[in-house]
């Protein structure tokens, strides 16, 4: 699963399941033993869990980089490699 960004111990990944099309653009966020799935538009945590602070950081990062996330989703949907995205600073 390609890594898009890493900040404050949080890893953001996005992938495409071969043979099973995703209908909603989304990404995965990992922090220690926690994992969550966020849709991009609208921004929403739809699966898993993160501690509140890390969830807020992921949501803030995703709002800042929504266009890049959607572009990476499009690249993956066409079988191409996604571009890295600037971490939250």
Protein backbone atom coordinates (compact mmCIF):
# COMPACT_ATOMS: atom_id res chain seq x y z
CA UNK A 1 0.00 0.00 0.00
CA UNK A 2 1.71 3.23 -1.11
CA UNK A 3 2.61 5.69 1.64
CA UNK A 4 1.47 9.22 0.85
CA UNK A 5 2.63 11.07 3.94
CA UNK A 6 3.98 10.70 7.47
CA UNK A 7 3.68 13.21 10.32
CA UNK A 8 3.61 13.13 14.14
CA UNK A 9 3.81 9.33 14.14
CA UNK A 10 0.83 9.03 11.77
CA UNK A 11 1.23 7.22 8.45
CA UNK A 12 -1.16 7.95 5.57
CA UNK A 13 -1.59 5.31 2.87
CA UNK A 14 -3.82 4.83 -0.13
CA UNK A 15 -4.30 1.82 -2.34
CA UNK A 16 -6.51 0.29 -4.95
CA UNK A 17 -7.77 -3.26 -4.54
CA UNK A 18 -7.24 -5.03 -7.82
CA UNK A 19 -10.41 -6.53 -9.22
CA UNK A 20 -12.62 -4.76 -6.70
CA UNK A 21 -13.40 -1.15 -7.61
CA UNK A 22 -13.82 1.31 -4.76
CA UNK A 23 -16.78 3.59 -5.16
CA UNK A 24 -15.74 6.29 -2.69
CA UNK A 25 -12.34 7.92 -2.64
CA UNK A 26 -10.63 7.25 0.69
CA UNK A 27 -7.32 6.83 2.48
CA UNK A 28 -6.03 4.89 5.47
CA UNK A 29 -4.42 6.45 8.55
CA UNK A 30 -2.27 4.49 11.01
CA UNK A 31 -1.03 5.53 14.42
CA UNK A 32 0.65 2.96 16.68
CA UNK A 33 -1.88 0.10 16.99
CA UNK A 34 -4.77 2.21 15.66
CA UNK A 35 -6.05 2.34 12.09
CA UNK A 36 -8.88 4.25 10.43
CA UNK A 37 -10.33 4.85 6.99
CA UNK A 38 -11.33 8.36 5.91
CA UNK A 39 -13.38 9.33 2.89
CA UNK A 40 -12.01 12.35 1.03
CA UNK A 41 -15.09 14.15 -0.20
CA UNK A 42 -16.86 14.59 2.11
CA UNK A 43 -14.15 14.21 4.77
CA UNK A 44 -15.34 11.60 7.26
CA UNK A 45 -13.89 8.76 9.31
CA UNK A 46 -15.90 5.75 8.15
CA UNK A 47 -14.07 2.81 9.71
CA UNK A 48 -11.69 2.09 12.58
CA UNK A 49 -10.52 4.53 15.21
CA UNK A 50 -7.72 6.89 16.16
CA UNK A 51 -7.09 8.76 19.40
CA UNK A 52 -8.89 12.14 19.30
CA UNK A 53 -5.72 14.23 18.89
CA UNK A 54 -4.46 12.13 15.98
CA UNK A 55 -7.89 12.08 14.36
CA UNK A 56 -8.00 15.90 14.43
CA UNK A 57 -4.49 16.07 12.94
CA UNK A 58 -5.46 13.70 10.12
CA UNK A 59 -8.64 15.66 9.40
CA UNK A 60 -6.75 18.98 9.35
CA UNK A 61 -4.08 17.54 7.03
CA UNK A 62 -6.70 16.04 4.71
CA UNK A 63 -8.62 19.32 4.47
CA UNK A 64 -5.41 21.12 3.48
CA UNK A 65 -4.55 18.48 0.87
CA UNK A 66 -7.98 17.45 -0.44
CA UNK A 67 -7.11 18.24 -4.08
CA UNK A 68 -3.87 16.23 -3.87
CA UNK A 69 -5.68 13.30 -2.27
CA UNK A 70 -8.28 13.29 -5.03
CA UNK A 71 -5.52 13.49 -7.64
CA UNK A 72 -3.74 10.51 -6.05
CA UNK A 73 -7.04 8.62 -5.98
CA UNK A 74 -7.41 9.27 -9.71
CA UNK A 75 -3.84 8.10 -10.38
CA UNK A 76 -4.41 4.86 -8.47
CA UNK A 77 -7.71 4.30 -10.24
CA UNK A 78 -5.79 4.41 -13.53
CA UNK A 79 -3.17 1.97 -12.25
CA UNK A 80 -0.51 4.64 -11.72
CA UNK A 81 1.64 5.40 -8.70
CA UNK A 82 0.33 8.16 -6.38
CA UNK A 83 2.43 11.22 -5.58
CA UNK A 84 3.73 11.90 -2.03
CA UNK A 85 1.91 14.65 -0.14
CA UNK A 86 3.54 17.23 2.14
CA UNK A 87 3.27 16.25 5.82
CA UNK A 88 1.52 18.39 8.42
CA UNK A 89 3.99 20.76 10.07
